[in-house]
Amino acid sequence: MTSKYSIDYTVMPQHNRRVLTHHTHDPVEAEEFLMHLLSSGSRIHEIRHDGVTLTPKQSDQMIKVAAERIAGLMVRESLSLDSAATIHRFGFAA
């Protein structure tokens, strides 16, 4: 049985060429893993859903949501805000 989401990535791409793959059936976990990859500066090569490579628009949307969540968490923590204030003031869900 194939994983619902598969993400191909490279950790420390400046020094490493090895492509790893993260498999999950949970869309929230896939988004959280993308957040981790973005935060660590890893290279994201490809995102697949049910074995089919997502279109650039679809993968960009997943990455955009992950990046917005990271920004929301950073703003929330730095300014000591609650989720409602972060959404109201900055438009980021946190």
Protein backbone atom coordinates (compact mmCIF):
# COMPACT_ATOMS: atom_id res chain seq x y z
CA MET A 1 0.00 0.00 0.00
CA THR A 2 1.45 3.38 -1.00
CA SER A 3 1.59 6.28 1.40
CA LYS A 4 -0.92 9.02 0.93
CA TYR A 5 1.86 11.66 1.01
CA SER A 6 5.51 11.26 0.06
CA ILE A 7 8.00 14.10 0.30
CA ASP A 8 11.45 13.85 -1.30
CA TYR A 9 14.03 16.11 0.36
CA THR A 10 17.73 16.65 1.00
CA VAL A 11 19.09 17.68 4.39
CA MET A 12 21.97 20.20 4.26
CA PRO A 13 21.90 20.42 0.44
CA GLN A 14 25.13 22.47 0.37
CA HIS A 15 27.05 19.41 1.60
CA ASN A 16 24.84 16.47 0.73
CA ARG A 17 23.25 15.07 -2.43
CA ARG A 18 21.38 12.18 -0.85
CA VAL A 19 17.63 12.39 -1.44
CA LEU A 20 15.49 10.98 1.36
CA THR A 21 11.74 10.35 1.34
CA HIS A 22 9.26 10.92 4.15
CA HIS A 23 6.05 8.88 3.94
CA THR A 24 2.83 9.58 5.81
CA HIS A 25 -0.89 9.02 5.54
CA ASP A 26 -1.72 12.10 7.63
CA PRO A 27 -2.01 15.47 5.80
CA VAL A 28 -1.33 17.39 9.02
CA GLU A 29 1.87 15.44 9.58
CA ALA A 30 2.91 16.14 5.97
CA GLU A 31 2.37 19.87 6.58
CA GLU A 32 4.32 19.75 9.85
CA PHE A 33 7.14 17.90 8.12
CA LEU A 34 7.23 20.60 5.44
CA MET A 35 7.45 23.18 8.24
CA HIS A 36 10.45 21.33 9.64
CA LEU A 37 12.12 21.18 6.22
CA LEU A 38 11.58 24.90 5.64
CA SER A 39 12.87 25.80 9.10
CA SER A 40 16.00 23.72 8.69
CA GLY A 41 16.85 24.96 5.19
CA SER A 42 16.46 21.53 3.63
CA ARG A 43 15.79 21.21 -0.08
CA ILE A 44 12.31 20.00 -1.03
CA HIS A 45 12.48 18.10 -4.31
CA GLU A 46 9.01 16.67 -4.82
CA ILE A 47 5.70 16.13 -3.06
CA ARG A 48 3.49 13.23 -4.11
CA HIS A 49 -0.09 12.40 -3.16
CA ASP A 50 -1.21 8.81 -3.67
CA GLY A 51 1.91 8.22 -5.78
CA VAL A 52 1.20 11.10 -8.18
CA THR A 53 3.49 14.13 -8.22
CA LEU A 54 1.62 17.27 -7.23
CA THR A 55 1.42 20.06 -9.78
CA PRO A 56 3.63 23.07 -9.04
CA LYS A 57 0.52 25.00 -7.97
CA GLN A 58 -0.55 22.25 -5.54
CA SER A 59 2.90 21.80 -4.01
CA ASP A 60 3.35 25.58 -3.78
CA GLN A 61 0.07 25.79 -1.86
CA MET A 62 1.19 23.15 0.64
CA ILE A 63 4.53 24.91 1.11
CA LYS A 64 2.80 28.29 1.44
CA VAL A 65 0.55 26.99 4.22
CA ALA A 66 3.58 25.52 6.03
CA ALA A 67 5.50 28.80 5.70
CA GLU A 68 2.54 30.82 6.99
CA ARG A 69 2.25 28.52 10.00
CA ILE A 70 5.95 29.00 10.74
CA ALA A 71 5.59 32.79 10.47
CA GLY A 72 2.53 32.72 12.72
CA LEU A 73 4.32 30.67 15.36
CA MET A 74 7.33 32.99 15.27
CA VAL A 75 5.21 36.13 15.60
CA ARG A 76 3.09 34.58 18.32
CA GLU A 77 6.11 33.54 20.36
CA SER A 78 8.15 36.73 19.80
CA LEU A 79 5.30 39.08 20.71
CA SER A 80 3.74 36.81 23.33
CA LEU A 81 0.35 36.82 21.59
CA ASP A 82 -2.47 34.33 21.63
CA SER A 83 -3.76 32.72 18.43
CA ALA A 84 -6.67 35.13 18.02
CA ALA A 85 -4.42 38.20 18.31
CA THR A 86 -1.92 36.74 15.84
CA ILE A 87 -4.68 36.16 13.30
CA HIS A 88 -6.27 39.57 13.89
CA ARG A 89 -3.05 41.59 13.81
CA PHE A 90 -1.02 39.73 11.23
CA GLY A 91 -3.39 37.37 9.39
CA PHE A 92 -1.32 34.32 10.30
CA ALA A 93 -2.97 31.28 11.81
CA ALA A 94 -0.91 30.12 14.74
